[in-house]
Amino acid sequence: MANLFSNRELAIGVWAIIGLCCALFSAKIRKSIFQFMKTAASWRLIILYLAIFIYCSMMVFVLYSVCFWEWSFLKDTIVWAIASGFGILLRHQQNNGFKNYLKEYIIDVISITAIVIFISSSYTFDLWIELITMPFLFILGGMQAVAENNSKYKAAAKVLQALFVIYGFIAIAFSLHGIINDFQEFFTTETLRNFLLPIVLLVMYIPFYYAYALYCAYETVHIQLKWPIRKDVSAVRYLKRKVFKYIGINLFKMERFCEYRQYAIAVVQGEK
């Protein structure tokens, strides 16, 4: 367990379980959790879960075949699939455009912040220190969110932000100290592959995300364009065929189609 999860991850898990147990004493929260579980268990989302699982399994198989992936990466892969793989689909917004959204996401993955987070999480404090600091960081985060949204507490927001910066420097310094003392074990091909894993998984995930974005766009277009003639089944089918014949699987063409309404109407209302 200690080798599988870092002390920081164990501390977060312990406090998450404690928080969940305390929250269950509230009837209102129990009802909200039940509604969330009911929504999460809808057949559409179950199909999406299954599709993500199959695609991620295929990615892992390919990476394992080329000797990049190994079983010690299983936890990080599962966390990536849930937080990034599923998260990028939930946060998908057609208004921003597939290319722009993906570009921003890739920049975040390979940014200096990502490198700092990787270094700071490589060597963590003792478990008892992590258990003490986690709730304080959670409380400080909540206070900062409130302070930043209220102009009266700008000074407090700056103080809270400074406290986070101080903690960040301490965590990074501690990790760097551990790396320097044990640099031969840290600077290995396994560590490099572990750092590159999220980037490689994201690049391999792009085709799946592309297909998902295209499906969502088609679904939106079908709903918007067929609504006036929804009672005429033959007209609806003709409309779907015509849109698909014009756009095909070109997501960028679909985004232009959705952006310029007059252009889209002209295409749809063309001669049969």
Protein backbone atom coordinates (compact mmCIF):
# COMPACT_ATOMS: atom_id res chain seq x y z
CA MET A 1 0.00 0.00 0.00
CA ALA A 2 2.82 2.39 0.89
CA ASN A 3 4.53 1.69 -2.41
CA LEU A 4 1.31 2.01 -4.38
CA PHE A 5 0.11 5.29 -2.83
CA SER A 6 2.17 8.22 -1.61
CA ASN A 7 1.64 9.64 1.89
CA ARG A 8 -0.15 12.64 0.37
CA GLU A 9 -2.54 10.39 -1.55
CA LEU A 10 -3.18 8.32 1.58
CA ALA A 11 -3.91 11.47 3.58
CA ILE A 12 -6.30 12.75 0.92
CA GLY A 13 -8.03 9.35 0.86
CA VAL A 14 -8.38 9.23 4.66
CA TRP A 15 -9.89 12.71 4.86
CA ALA A 16 -12.15 12.03 1.87
CA ILE A 17 -13.56 8.95 3.62
CA ILE A 18 -14.00 10.87 6.89
CA GLY A 19 -15.72 13.73 5.06
CA LEU A 20 -18.03 11.35 3.21
CA CYS A 21 -18.98 9.54 6.42
CA CYS A 22 -19.77 12.86 8.13
CA ALA A 23 -21.75 14.07 5.11
CA LEU A 24 -23.95 10.95 5.19
CA PHE A 25 -25.46 12.10 8.48
CA SER A 26 -27.27 14.87 6.56
CA ALA A 27 -30.48 13.76 4.85
CA LYS A 28 -30.14 16.51 2.24
CA ILE A 29 -26.61 15.41 1.33
CA ARG A 30 -27.68 11.74 1.21
CA LYS A 31 -30.43 12.71 -1.21
CA SER A 32 -27.97 14.66 -3.38
CA ILE A 33 -25.56 11.71 -3.42
CA PHE A 34 -28.40 9.37 -4.42
CA GLN A 35 -29.40 11.70 -7.25
CA PHE A 36 -25.79 11.93 -8.39
CA MET A 37 -25.42 8.12 -8.39
CA LYS A 38 -28.71 7.79 -10.26
CA THR A 39 -27.54 10.23 -12.93
CA ALA A 40 -24.11 8.58 -13.15
CA ALA A 41 -25.79 5.21 -13.73
CA SER A 42 -27.78 6.35 -16.79
CA TRP A 43 -27.45 4.09 -19.82
CA ARG A 44 -25.77 6.79 -21.92
CA LEU A 45 -23.02 7.29 -19.35
CA ILE A 46 -22.61 3.54 -18.85
CA ILE A 47 -21.97 3.18 -22.58
CA LEU A 48 -19.47 6.05 -22.36
CA TYR A 49 -17.71 4.40 -19.38
CA LEU A 50 -17.45 1.16 -21.31
CA ALA A 51 -16.13 2.91 -24.43
CA ILE A 52 -13.48 4.77 -22.41
CA PHE A 53 -12.46 1.55 -20.64
CA ILE A 54 -12.09 -0.35 -23.92
CA TYR A 55 -10.17 2.45 -25.63
CA CYS A 56 -7.84 3.04 -22.66
CA SER A 57 -7.24 -0.72 -22.43
CA MET A 58 -6.22 -0.70 -26.09
CA MET A 59 -3.85 2.22 -25.45
CA VAL A 60 -2.26 0.39 -22.52
CA PHE A 61 -1.89 -2.77 -24.60
CA VAL A 62 -0.07 -0.84 -27.33
CA LEU A 63 2.21 0.91 -24.83
CA TYR A 64 2.89 -2.39 -23.06
CA SER A 65 3.73 -4.03 -26.40
CA VAL A 66 6.38 -1.41 -27.14
CA CYS A 67 7.83 -1.75 -23.60
CA PHE A 68 6.74 1.73 -22.49
CA TRP A 69 3.99 0.81 -20.01
CA GLU A 70 4.51 -1.42 -16.99
CA TRP A 71 2.34 -2.60 -14.12
CA SER A 72 3.74 -0.01 -11.71
CA PHE A 73 1.95 2.60 -13.87
CA LEU A 74 -1.47 1.03 -13.28
CA LYS A 75 -2.55 3.47 -10.55
CA ASP A 76 -1.44 6.52 -12.54
CA THR A 77 -3.19 5.16 -15.64
CA ILE A 78 -6.47 4.61 -13.78
CA VAL A 79 -6.28 8.10 -12.25
CA TRP A 80 -5.57 9.58 -15.70
CA ALA A 81 -8.49 7.70 -17.28
CA ILE A 82 -10.91 9.02 -14.63
CA ALA A 83 -9.58 12.55 -14.12
CA SER A 84 -8.37 13.36 -17.64
CA GLY A 85 -9.89 10.78 -19.98
CA PHE A 86 -13.43 11.10 -18.65
CA GLY A 87 -12.89 14.67 -17.44
CA ILE A 88 -11.96 16.05 -20.84
CA LEU A 89 -15.24 14.71 -22.24
CA LEU A 90 -17.30 16.20 -19.41
CA ARG A 91 -15.64 19.59 -19.85
CA HIS A 92 -16.00 19.50 -23.62
CA GLN A 93 -17.72 22.62 -24.92
CA GLN A 94 -18.59 22.87 -28.56
CA ASN A 95 -18.56 26.68 -28.42
CA ASN A 96 -14.82 26.75 -27.72
CA GLY A 97 -14.00 24.47 -30.61
CA PHE A 98 -12.22 21.11 -30.55
CA LYS A 99 -8.85 22.47 -31.66
CA ASN A 100 -8.75 25.39 -29.18
CA TYR A 101 -9.86 23.30 -26.23
CA LEU A 102 -7.39 20.51 -26.97
CA LYS A 103 -4.57 23.02 -27.45
CA GLU A 104 -5.25 24.57 -24.04
CA TYR A 105 -5.39 21.14 -22.42
CA ILE A 106 -2.09 19.99 -23.96
CA ILE A 107 -0.39 23.22 -22.85
CA ASP A 108 -1.57 22.56 -19.30
CA VAL A 109 -0.20 19.00 -19.41
CA ILE A 110 3.28 20.03 -20.57
CA SER A 111 3.47 23.33 -18.67
CA ILE A 112 5.93 24.26 -15.95
CA THR A 113 3.12 23.78 -13.44
CA ALA A 114 2.79 20.12 -14.44
CA ILE A 115 6.55 19.63 -13.99
CA VAL A 116 6.45 21.29 -10.56
CA ILE A 117 3.51 19.12 -9.48
CA PHE A 118 5.34 15.98 -10.61
CA ILE A 119 8.48 16.95 -8.68
CA SER A 120 6.59 18.00 -5.53
CA SER A 121 4.64 14.72 -5.50
CA SER A 122 7.72 12.54 -5.95
CA TYR A 123 8.79 12.89 -2.32
CA THR A 124 6.11 13.73 0.25
CA PHE A 125 6.15 14.46 3.97
CA ASP A 126 5.57 11.81 6.62
CA LEU A 127 2.01 10.55 6.79
CA TRP A 128 1.18 12.33 10.06
CA ILE A 129 2.31 15.66 8.57
CA GLU A 130 0.22 15.10 5.45
CA LEU A 131 -2.79 14.18 7.60
CA ILE A 132 -2.45 17.46 9.51
CA THR A 133 -1.80 19.73 6.53
CA MET A 134 -4.52 18.41 4.18
CA PRO A 135 -7.56 19.74 6.10
CA PHE A 136 -5.83 23.10 6.62
CA LEU A 137 -5.11 23.36 2.88
CA PHE A 138 -8.74 22.46 2.13
CA ILE A 139 -10.01 25.15 4.51
CA LEU A 140 -7.56 27.72 3.17
CA GLY A 141 -8.67 26.87 -0.39
CA GLY A 142 -12.32 27.43 0.50
CA MET A 143 -11.52 30.71 2.24
CA GLN A 144 -9.49 31.88 -0.75
CA ALA A 145 -12.33 31.04 -3.16
CA VAL A 146 -14.74 33.11 -1.05
CA ALA A 147 -12.27 35.99 -0.64
CA GLU A 148 -11.51 36.20 -4.36
CA ASN A 149 -15.20 36.50 -5.20
CA ASN A 150 -15.76 39.37 -2.77
CA SER A 151 -14.01 42.70 -3.28
CA LYS A 152 -14.14 43.41 0.48
CA TYR A 153 -11.69 40.57 1.17
CA LYS A 154 -9.01 41.31 -1.42
CA ALA A 155 -6.34 41.75 1.27
CA ALA A 156 -7.31 38.42 2.84
CA ALA A 157 -7.18 36.73 -0.57
CA LYS A 158 -3.59 37.94 -1.06
CA VAL A 159 -2.59 36.62 2.38
CA LEU A 160 -4.17 33.23 1.66
CA GLN A 161 -2.49 33.07 -1.73
CA ALA A 162 0.84 33.85 -0.06
CA LEU A 163 0.29 30.98 2.39
CA PHE A 164 -0.30 28.59 -0.52
CA VAL A 165 2.89 29.83 -2.19
CA ILE A 166 4.86 29.28 1.00
CA TYR A 167 3.52 25.75 1.35
CA GLY A 168 4.33 25.10 -2.31
CA PHE A 169 7.92 26.23 -1.88
CA ILE A 170 8.32 24.05 1.22
CA ALA A 171 6.90 21.00 -0.58
CA ILE A 172 9.11 21.57 -3.63
CA ALA A 173 12.20 22.13 -1.47
CA PHE A 174 11.50 18.92 0.44
CA SER A 175 11.05 16.98 -2.80
CA LEU A 176 14.21 18.43 -4.33
CA HIS A 177 16.12 17.49 -1.18
CA GLY A 178 14.88 13.91 -1.55
CA ILE A 179 15.74 13.85 -5.25
CA ILE A 180 19.27 15.13 -4.61
CA ASN A 181 19.89 12.60 -1.86
CA ASP A 182 18.56 9.76 -3.99
CA PHE A 183 19.22 11.06 -7.51
CA GLN A 184 20.37 7.69 -8.88
CA GLU A 185 16.99 6.12 -8.10
CA PHE A 186 15.00 9.15 -9.25
CA PHE A 187 16.74 9.80 -12.58
CA THR A 188 15.86 6.50 -14.24
CA THR A 189 14.06 5.56 -17.43
CA GLU A 190 11.09 4.46 -15.31
CA THR A 191 10.77 7.93 -13.78
CA LEU A 192 11.03 9.52 -17.23
CA ARG A 193 8.35 7.21 -18.61
CA ASN A 194 6.15 7.91 -15.60
CA PHE A 195 6.46 11.66 -16.27
CA LEU A 196 5.75 11.24 -19.98
CA LEU A 197 2.83 8.85 -19.39
CA PRO A 198 0.08 11.52 -19.16
CA ILE A 199 1.38 13.24 -22.30
CA VAL A 200 1.56 9.98 -24.28
CA LEU A 201 -1.89 8.91 -23.10
CA LEU A 202 -3.36 12.29 -24.06
CA VAL A 203 -1.87 12.15 -27.57
CA MET A 204 -3.19 8.61 -28.07
CA TYR A 205 -6.58 9.68 -26.68
CA ILE A 206 -7.09 12.41 -29.29
CA PRO A 207 -8.85 10.14 -31.86
CA PHE A 208 -11.37 9.01 -29.21
CA TYR A 209 -12.00 12.59 -28.11
CA TYR A 210 -12.37 13.62 -31.77
CA ALA A 211 -15.01 10.93 -32.30
CA TYR A 212 -16.85 11.97 -29.13
CA ALA A 213 -16.82 15.66 -30.11
CA LEU A 214 -18.08 14.78 -33.60
CA TYR A 215 -20.88 12.64 -32.15
CA CYS A 216 -21.96 15.46 -29.79
CA ALA A 217 -21.94 17.96 -32.66
CA TYR A 218 -24.06 15.71 -34.87
CA GLU A 219 -26.50 15.11 -32.04
CA THR A 220 -26.89 18.85 -31.44
CA VAL A 221 -27.33 19.62 -35.14
CA HIS A 222 -29.92 16.88 -35.59
CA ILE A 223 -31.96 18.16 -32.65
CA GLN A 224 -31.84 21.78 -33.81
CA LEU A 225 -32.51 21.19 -37.49
CA LYS A 226 -35.14 18.48 -37.27
CA TRP A 227 -37.27 20.16 -34.59
CA PRO A 228 -39.50 22.14 -37.00
CA ILE A 229 -40.19 18.99 -39.07
CA ARG A 230 -40.01 16.36 -36.29
CA LYS A 231 -43.40 14.90 -37.22
CA ASP A 232 -42.31 14.19 -40.80
CA VAL A 233 -40.14 11.08 -40.38
CA SER A 234 -39.07 10.89 -44.02
CA ALA A 235 -38.02 14.54 -44.05
CA VAL A 236 -36.00 14.05 -40.86
CA ARG A 237 -34.17 11.07 -42.35
CA TYR A 238 -33.47 12.98 -45.54
CA LEU A 239 -32.14 15.90 -43.53
CA LYS A 240 -29.76 13.66 -41.56
CA ARG A 241 -28.47 11.98 -44.73
CA LYS A 242 -27.89 15.33 -46.41
CA VAL A 243 -26.00 16.79 -43.47
CA PHE A 244 -23.82 13.67 -43.18
CA LYS A 245 -23.15 13.62 -46.92
CA TYR A 246 -21.98 17.22 -46.81
CA ILE A 247 -19.94 17.05 -43.56
CA GLY A 248 -18.92 13.41 -43.23
CA ILE A 249 -16.48 12.92 -40.35
CA ASN A 250 -14.87 16.34 -40.69
CA LEU A 251 -15.31 17.84 -37.23
CA PHE A 252 -13.83 21.20 -38.24
CA LYS A 253 -16.33 21.47 -41.08
CA MET A 254 -19.08 20.60 -38.61
CA GLU A 255 -17.93 23.40 -36.29
CA ARG A 256 -18.06 25.88 -39.16
CA PHE A 257 -21.48 24.50 -40.08
CA CYS A 258 -22.72 25.17 -36.53
CA GLU A 259 -21.08 28.58 -36.28
CA TYR A 260 -22.54 30.13 -39.42
CA ARG A 261 -26.28 29.60 -39.28
CA GLN A 262 -27.09 31.18 -42.64
CA TYR A 263 -24.41 29.10 -44.30
CA ALA A 264 -25.82 25.96 -42.68
CA ILE A 265 -29.39 26.72 -43.70
CA ALA A 266 -28.32 27.34 -47.29
CA VAL A 267 -26.70 23.90 -47.44
CA VAL A 268 -29.63 22.10 -45.86
CA GLN A 269 -32.23 23.81 -48.03
CA GLY A 270 -30.44 23.02 -51.28
CA GLU A 271 -32.08 21.02 -53.98
CA LYS A 272 -32.54 17.28 -53.54
